[in-house]
Amino acid sequence: MKAKLLLLAGGCALAFAAPAAAAPGHCFSASGQPLGPVYDTERPDTAFITWVQARGGECRALRADEVTLYRGRPTEYPSEFRRTEIIQERPLDVSPGAPRTVPDAAPPPRLAWQGDPVVARRLIVTHYRSAAPDLTVTDTGRVVALSQGGAWRIYETVYPDGSRRQVAVQMRPDRQYMLMESTDGGSRWSETVELED
């Protein structure tokens, strides 16, 4: 009897001392679809988990009723994830999204806007003051070439009713600032107007 008790106590001690099996985990997309293989929560694939979370998904331990459902799923990672692994390992072997640049080609000319952005903003506010006293003017920092010639700096104006317009400003060689506006996001521009102090 003592031997049986001793054997039973030894078996219980071993059972309590042995580590519990880790819970299986699985990742899910933002829409709730399962992604990738089931993983051991004690040794998770952190690169894959980070990839899933960056796309709005979640990775979590499976509930007891989910374990049998997801254990039989294919163990492949999504093709988008495998593609990023390939790109990181062999970036030159992956087909490019755009053709490679030709080394002999000259770089595109850089647009240089002449003028003072603070002065230009002040002139825009002054120009619209009578029509829209509460106008908000923001310098986007973008410089574009328009069909009217030269480099134009783009500003965004927001009216009190919430409507928005883009305003293009250029400083001519005689230091005269010119303005054009667009109500359709920059595809059609008004006639040029001289800005006055």
Protein backbone atom coordinates (compact mmCIF):
# COMPACT_ATOMS: atom_id res chain seq x y z
CA MET A 1 0.00 0.00 0.00
CA LYS A 2 2.83 2.36 0.91
CA ALA A 3 4.51 1.55 -2.40
CA LYS A 4 1.37 2.42 -4.32
CA LEU A 5 0.98 5.70 -2.44
CA LEU A 6 4.62 6.55 -3.02
CA LEU A 7 4.31 5.73 -6.72
CA LEU A 8 1.12 7.82 -7.01
CA ALA A 9 2.73 10.78 -5.22
CA GLY A 10 5.79 10.55 -7.47
CA GLY A 11 3.61 10.48 -10.59
CA CYS A 12 1.66 13.54 -9.41
CA ALA A 13 4.87 15.41 -8.64
CA LEU A 14 6.18 14.67 -12.13
CA ALA A 15 2.89 15.80 -13.71
CA PHE A 16 2.99 19.11 -11.85
CA ALA A 17 6.68 19.65 -12.57
CA ALA A 18 6.35 19.01 -16.33
CA PRO A 19 5.64 22.14 -18.35
CA ALA A 20 2.17 22.46 -19.76
CA ALA A 21 1.83 22.21 -23.51
CA ALA A 22 1.72 25.64 -25.08
CA ALA A 23 -1.56 26.85 -26.42
CA PRO A 24 -1.83 26.89 -30.19
CA GLY A 25 -2.28 30.28 -31.79
CA HIS A 26 -3.51 31.53 -35.13
CA CYS A 27 -3.57 34.80 -37.04
CA PHE A 28 -6.66 36.38 -38.57
CA SER A 29 -7.05 39.13 -41.16
CA ALA A 30 -8.89 42.38 -40.39
CA SER A 31 -12.04 40.78 -41.82
CA GLY A 32 -11.67 37.71 -39.56
CA GLN A 33 -10.33 35.25 -42.15
CA PRO A 34 -7.67 32.83 -40.86
CA LEU A 35 -4.15 33.48 -42.17
CA GLY A 36 -1.13 31.20 -42.22
CA PRO A 37 -0.43 28.12 -40.14
CA VAL A 38 -1.29 27.39 -36.52
CA TYR A 39 1.70 28.32 -34.36
CA ASP A 40 2.99 27.54 -30.88
CA THR A 41 2.37 30.57 -28.65
CA GLU A 42 5.62 29.88 -26.78
CA ARG A 43 7.58 30.14 -30.04
CA PRO A 44 5.60 32.51 -32.29
CA ASP A 45 6.73 33.63 -35.73
CA THR A 46 7.18 37.30 -34.82
CA ALA A 47 7.86 38.41 -38.41
CA PHE A 48 4.55 36.96 -39.58
CA ILE A 49 2.65 38.30 -36.57
CA THR A 50 4.07 41.80 -37.19
CA TRP A 51 3.10 41.53 -40.87
CA VAL A 52 -0.49 40.55 -39.97
CA GLN A 53 -0.84 43.30 -37.36
CA ALA A 54 0.51 45.93 -39.78
CA ARG A 55 -2.43 45.07 -42.07
CA GLY A 56 -5.03 45.41 -39.31
CA GLY A 57 -5.24 41.74 -38.39
CA GLU A 58 -4.70 39.99 -35.07
CA CYS A 59 -2.89 36.93 -33.78
CA ARG A 60 -4.15 35.20 -30.66
CA ALA A 61 -4.29 31.92 -28.78
CA LEU A 62 -7.03 29.65 -30.02
CA ARG A 63 -9.97 28.76 -27.79
CA ALA A 64 -10.53 25.06 -27.06
CA ASP A 65 -13.39 24.84 -29.58
CA GLU A 66 -11.25 26.44 -32.33
CA VAL A 67 -8.21 24.17 -31.99
CA THR A 68 -9.63 21.24 -33.96
CA LEU A 69 -11.11 23.58 -36.56
CA TYR A 70 -7.82 25.33 -37.42
CA ARG A 71 -5.37 22.42 -36.84
CA GLY A 72 -6.37 20.79 -40.15
CA ARG A 73 -5.91 23.98 -42.22
CA PRO A 74 -3.11 24.27 -44.79
CA THR A 75 0.15 25.37 -43.23
CA GLU A 76 1.14 27.85 -45.94
CA TYR A 77 1.73 31.54 -45.38
CA PRO A 78 -0.17 33.99 -47.61
CA SER A 79 1.55 34.68 -50.95
CA GLU A 80 1.91 38.40 -50.10
CA PHE A 81 3.91 37.51 -46.98
CA ARG A 82 6.08 35.01 -48.85
CA ARG A 83 6.77 37.67 -51.51
CA THR A 84 8.10 40.10 -48.89
CA GLU A 85 10.36 37.35 -47.54
CA ILE A 86 11.74 36.74 -51.05
CA ILE A 87 12.30 40.46 -51.61
CA GLN A 88 14.20 40.77 -48.33
CA GLU A 89 16.37 37.73 -49.08
CA ARG A 90 17.03 38.30 -52.81
CA PRO A 91 15.90 41.78 -53.86
CA LEU A 92 17.44 41.57 -57.34
CA ASP A 93 15.79 38.23 -58.21
CA VAL A 94 12.27 39.64 -57.86
CA SER A 95 10.66 41.08 -60.94
CA PRO A 96 10.59 44.85 -60.53
CA GLY A 97 7.45 46.95 -60.46
CA ALA A 98 9.03 49.48 -62.80
CA PRO A 99 11.82 49.27 -65.33
CA ARG A 100 15.29 49.96 -64.03
CA THR A 101 16.70 53.37 -64.76
CA VAL A 102 19.18 53.70 -67.56
CA PRO A 103 22.53 54.86 -66.13
CA ASP A 104 23.18 57.20 -69.09
CA ALA A 105 19.84 58.99 -68.77
CA ALA A 106 19.98 62.51 -67.43
CA PRO A 107 17.94 63.15 -64.28
CA PRO A 108 14.75 65.14 -64.79
CA PRO A 109 15.21 68.89 -64.36
CA ARG A 110 14.51 70.13 -60.85
CA LEU A 111 11.86 72.81 -60.53
CA ALA A 112 13.06 75.77 -58.55
CA TRP A 113 10.37 78.11 -57.32
CA GLN A 114 11.52 81.69 -56.92
CA GLY A 115 9.84 83.66 -54.16
CA ASP A 116 9.13 83.83 -50.47
CA PRO A 117 6.41 81.39 -49.32
CA VAL A 118 5.45 83.60 -46.36
CA VAL A 119 5.03 86.67 -48.59
CA ALA A 120 3.05 84.62 -51.11
CA ARG A 121 0.70 83.34 -48.38
CA ARG A 122 0.16 86.87 -47.07
CA LEU A 123 -0.63 88.09 -50.60
CA ILE A 124 -3.16 85.25 -51.08
CA VAL A 125 -4.93 86.14 -47.82
CA THR A 126 -4.98 89.82 -48.82
CA HIS A 127 -6.33 88.96 -52.29
CA TYR A 128 -9.28 86.95 -50.92
CA ARG A 129 -9.95 89.07 -47.79
CA SER A 130 -12.99 90.95 -49.17
CA ALA A 131 -14.72 87.81 -50.48
CA ALA A 132 -13.77 85.42 -47.66
CA PRO A 133 -12.49 87.08 -44.47
CA ASP A 134 -12.17 83.74 -42.62
CA LEU A 135 -10.22 81.98 -45.36
CA THR A 136 -7.54 79.47 -44.27
CA VAL A 137 -4.46 79.29 -46.51
CA THR A 138 -2.00 76.38 -46.24
CA ASP A 139 1.29 76.04 -48.09
CA THR A 140 1.46 72.46 -49.44
CA GLY A 141 5.16 72.82 -50.26
CA ARG A 142 4.58 71.33 -53.72
CA VAL A 143 6.11 73.01 -56.75
CA VAL A 144 4.73 72.07 -60.16
CA ALA A 145 5.26 73.07 -63.78
CA LEU A 146 2.04 74.30 -65.37
CA SER A 147 1.25 75.00 -69.01
CA GLN A 148 1.49 78.75 -68.31
CA GLY A 149 5.23 78.22 -67.91
CA GLY A 150 7.66 78.18 -65.05
CA ALA A 151 7.43 76.79 -61.53
CA TRP A 152 4.28 77.39 -59.48
CA ARG A 153 3.95 76.81 -55.73
CA ILE A 154 0.67 75.19 -54.69
CA TYR A 155 -1.37 76.47 -51.73
CA GLU A 156 -4.65 75.11 -50.46
CA THR A 157 -7.44 77.46 -49.45
CA VAL A 158 -10.31 76.39 -47.21
CA TYR A 159 -13.41 78.57 -47.09
CA PRO A 160 -15.69 78.94 -44.03
CA ASP A 161 -18.30 76.65 -45.66
CA GLY A 162 -15.66 73.88 -45.95
CA SER A 163 -15.08 74.14 -49.69
CA ARG A 164 -11.49 73.89 -50.88
CA ARG A 165 -9.53 75.32 -53.78
CA GLN A 166 -5.97 75.02 -54.91
CA VAL A 167 -4.08 78.21 -55.60
CA ALA A 168 -0.88 78.33 -57.67
CA VAL A 169 1.53 81.22 -57.11
CA GLN A 170 4.52 82.23 -59.21
CA MET A 171 6.97 85.09 -58.81
CA ARG A 172 7.96 86.69 -62.11
CA PRO A 173 11.49 88.06 -62.72
CA ASP A 174 10.23 91.58 -61.94
CA ARG A 175 9.31 90.26 -58.43
CA GLN A 176 5.58 90.44 -59.22
CA TYR A 177 3.60 87.54 -57.73
CA MET A 178 0.96 85.93 -59.97
CA LEU A 179 -1.96 83.75 -58.86
CA MET A 180 -4.18 81.15 -60.50
CA GLU A 181 -6.86 79.07 -58.80
CA SER A 182 -8.43 75.70 -59.45
CA THR A 183 -11.71 74.41 -58.03
CA ASP A 184 -11.37 70.89 -59.46
CA GLY A 185 -8.15 69.73 -57.81
CA GLY A 186 -5.67 71.18 -60.26
CA SER A 187 -6.75 70.01 -63.72
CA ARG A 188 -8.17 73.36 -64.88
CA TRP A 189 -6.73 76.71 -63.82
CA SER A 190 -8.17 80.23 -63.98
CA GLU A 191 -6.55 83.15 -65.73
CA THR A 192 -3.50 84.60 -64.00
CA VAL A 193 -4.07 87.50 -61.61
CA GLU A 194 -1.42 89.89 -60.29
CA LEU A 195 -1.23 89.87 -56.52
CA GLU A 196 -1.02 93.30 -54.93
CA ASP A 197 0.12 94.22 -51.43
